[in-house]
C-alpha atoms as a PDB file:
ATOM      1  CA  SER A   1     -24.643  -0.173   4.894  1.00  0.00           C
ATOM      2  CA  THR A   2     -21.280   1.476   4.278  1.00  0.00           C
ATOM      3  CA  VAL A   3     -18.679   0.570   1.655  1.00  0.00           C
ATOM      4  CA  THR A   4     -15.041   1.376   2.153  1.00  0.00           C
ATOM      5  CA  ALA A   5     -12.149   0.891  -0.298  1.00  0.00           C
ATOM      6  CA  SER A   6      -8.655   1.800  -0.962  1.00  0.00           C
ATOM      7  CA  PHE A   7      -7.242   2.582  -4.429  1.00  0.00           C
ATOM      8  CA  THR A   8      -3.876   2.646  -6.152  1.00  0.00           C
ATOM      9  CA  ILE A   9      -3.280   4.548  -9.425  1.00  0.00           C
ATOM     10  CA  ARG A  10       0.028   3.467 -11.082  1.00  0.00           C
ATOM     11  CA  THR A  11       1.674   5.576 -13.840  1.00  0.00           C
ATOM     12  CA  ARG A  12       5.109   5.568 -15.384  1.00  0.00           C
ATOM     13  CA  ASP A  13       5.851   8.723 -13.331  1.00  0.00           C
ATOM     14  CA  GLY A  14       4.839   7.356  -9.920  1.00  0.00           C
ATOM     15  CA  THR A  15       1.864   6.015  -7.797  1.00  0.00           C
ATOM     16  CA  ILE A  16      -1.084   7.692  -6.110  1.00  0.00           C
ATOM     17  CA  TYR A  17      -2.789   6.080  -3.077  1.00  0.00           C
ATOM     18  CA  GLY A  18      -6.052   6.912  -1.407  1.00  0.00           C
ATOM     19  CA  SER A  19      -9.302   5.643   0.071  1.00  0.00           C
ATOM     20  CA  GLY A  20     -13.047   6.098  -0.224  1.00  0.00           C
ATOM     21  CA  ARG A  21     -16.165   5.671   1.892  1.00  0.00           C
ATOM     22  CA  ALA A  22     -19.722   5.468   0.594  1.00  0.00           C
ATOM     23  CA  ALA A  23     -23.284   4.677   1.690  1.00  0.00           C
ATOM     24  CA  LEU A  24     -25.349   2.042  -0.138  1.00  0.00           C
ATOM     25  CA  HIS A  25     -28.644   3.403  -1.362  1.00  0.00           C
ATOM     26  CA  SER A  26     -30.482   0.206  -2.408  1.00  0.00           C
ATOM     27  CA  SER A  27     -30.504  -3.390  -1.273  1.00  0.00           C
ATOM     28  CA  GLY A  28     -31.248  -5.523  -4.355  1.00  0.00           C
ATOM     29  CA  ARG A  29     -28.687  -7.356  -6.534  1.00  0.00           C
ATOM     30  CA  TYR A  30     -27.627  -4.042  -7.929  1.00  0.00           C
ATOM     31  CA  ALA A  31     -26.833  -1.437  -5.260  1.00  0.00           C
ATOM     32  CA  SER A  32     -26.029   2.123  -5.956  1.00  0.00           C
ATOM     33  CA  PHE A  33     -23.729   4.078  -3.618  1.00  0.00           C
ATOM     34  CA  GLY A  34     -22.320   7.546  -3.096  1.00  0.00           C
ATOM     35  CA  GLY A  35     -19.752   9.056  -0.837  1.00  0.00           C
ATOM     36  CA  SER A  36     -16.274  10.709  -0.660  1.00  0.00           C
ATOM     37  CA  LEU A  37     -12.717   9.803  -1.474  1.00  0.00           C
ATOM     38  CA  SER A  38      -9.364  11.189  -0.433  1.00  0.00           C
ATOM     39  CA  VAL A  39      -5.869  10.974  -1.879  1.00  0.00           C
ATOM     40  CA  SER A  40      -3.417  10.397   0.975  1.00  0.00           C
ATOM     41  CA  HIS A  41       0.079  10.218  -0.587  1.00  0.00           C
ATOM     42  CA  GLY A  42       2.078   9.141  -3.585  1.00  0.00           C
ATOM     43  CA  THR A  43       5.525   8.227  -4.908  1.00  0.00           C
ATOM     44  CA  GLY A  44       7.733   9.626  -7.709  1.00  0.00           C
ATOM     45  CA  ARG A  45       6.272  12.716  -9.356  1.00  0.00           C
ATOM     46  CA  TYR A  46       3.302  12.361  -7.026  1.00  0.00           C
ATOM     47  CA  VAL A  47       5.191  12.241  -3.705  1.00  0.00           C
ATOM     48  CA  ASP A  48       3.286  15.208  -2.410  1.00  0.00           C
ATOM     49  CA  ALA A  49      -0.051  14.146  -3.832  1.00  0.00           C
ATOM     50  CA  HIS A  50      -3.235  15.054  -1.896  1.00  0.00           C
ATOM     51  CA  GLY A  51      -6.830  15.719  -2.801  1.00  0.00           C
ATOM     52  CA  ASN A  52     -10.431  14.893  -2.202  1.00  0.00           C
ATOM     53  CA  GLY A  53     -13.671  14.307  -4.087  1.00  0.00           C
ATOM     54  CA  LYS A  54     -16.871  12.481  -4.519  1.00  0.00           C
ATOM     55  CA  LEU A  55     -17.562   8.943  -5.728  1.00  0.00           C
ATOM     56  CA  TYR A  56     -20.667   7.395  -7.131  1.00  0.00           C
ATOM     57  CA  GLY A  57     -21.343   3.973  -8.470  1.00  0.00           C
ATOM     58  CA  VAL A  58     -23.204   0.610  -8.752  1.00  0.00           C
ATOM     59  CA  ILE A  59     -22.179  -2.772  -7.399  1.00  0.00           C
ATOM     60  CA  ASP A  60     -23.560  -6.134  -8.558  1.00  0.00           C
ATOM     61  CA  ARG A  61     -23.778  -8.015  -5.181  1.00  0.00           C
ATOM     62  CA  ARG A  62     -23.776 -11.457  -6.905  1.00  0.00           C
ATOM     63  CA  THR A  63     -20.646 -11.029  -8.925  1.00  0.00           C
ATOM     64  CA  SER A  64     -18.983  -8.118  -7.121  1.00  0.00           C
ATOM     65  CA  ALA A  65     -18.702  -6.294 -10.516  1.00  0.00           C
ATOM     66  CA  LEU A  66     -18.246  -2.620  -9.724  1.00  0.00           C
ATOM     67  CA  THR A  67     -18.629   0.627 -11.774  1.00  0.00           C
ATOM     68  CA  VAL A  68     -17.384   3.795 -10.126  1.00  0.00           C
ATOM     69  CA  GLN A  69     -17.356   7.500 -11.265  1.00  0.00           C
ATOM     70  CA  THR A  70     -15.283  10.046  -9.390  1.00  0.00           C
ATOM     71  CA  ILE A  71     -14.949  13.810  -9.479  1.00  0.00           C
ATOM     72  CA  GLY A  72     -12.604  15.943  -7.324  1.00  0.00           C
ATOM     73  CA  THR A  73      -9.268  17.702  -7.105  1.00  0.00           C
ATOM     74  CA  LEU A  74      -5.680  16.364  -7.097  1.00  0.00           C
ATOM     75  CA  SER A  75      -2.728  18.385  -6.200  1.00  0.00           C
ATOM     76  CA  TYR A  76       0.913  17.171  -6.523  1.00  0.00           C
END
């Protein structure tokens, strides 16, 4: 299975937008996942934002609670 998501990071100086895609690695109530993310654009101070990285996490399939860790680069 594949997980896809979009994200928005709002700060007082502008907003950063991006998306991620990850593969699920287990099938029980708690499923781990790993994949990639990319920053597509922004506003304000981040109008030229771009970047990419990796994402890792765990999702509780019963409650949809989610923990995500990211690492990567951001340029703006």
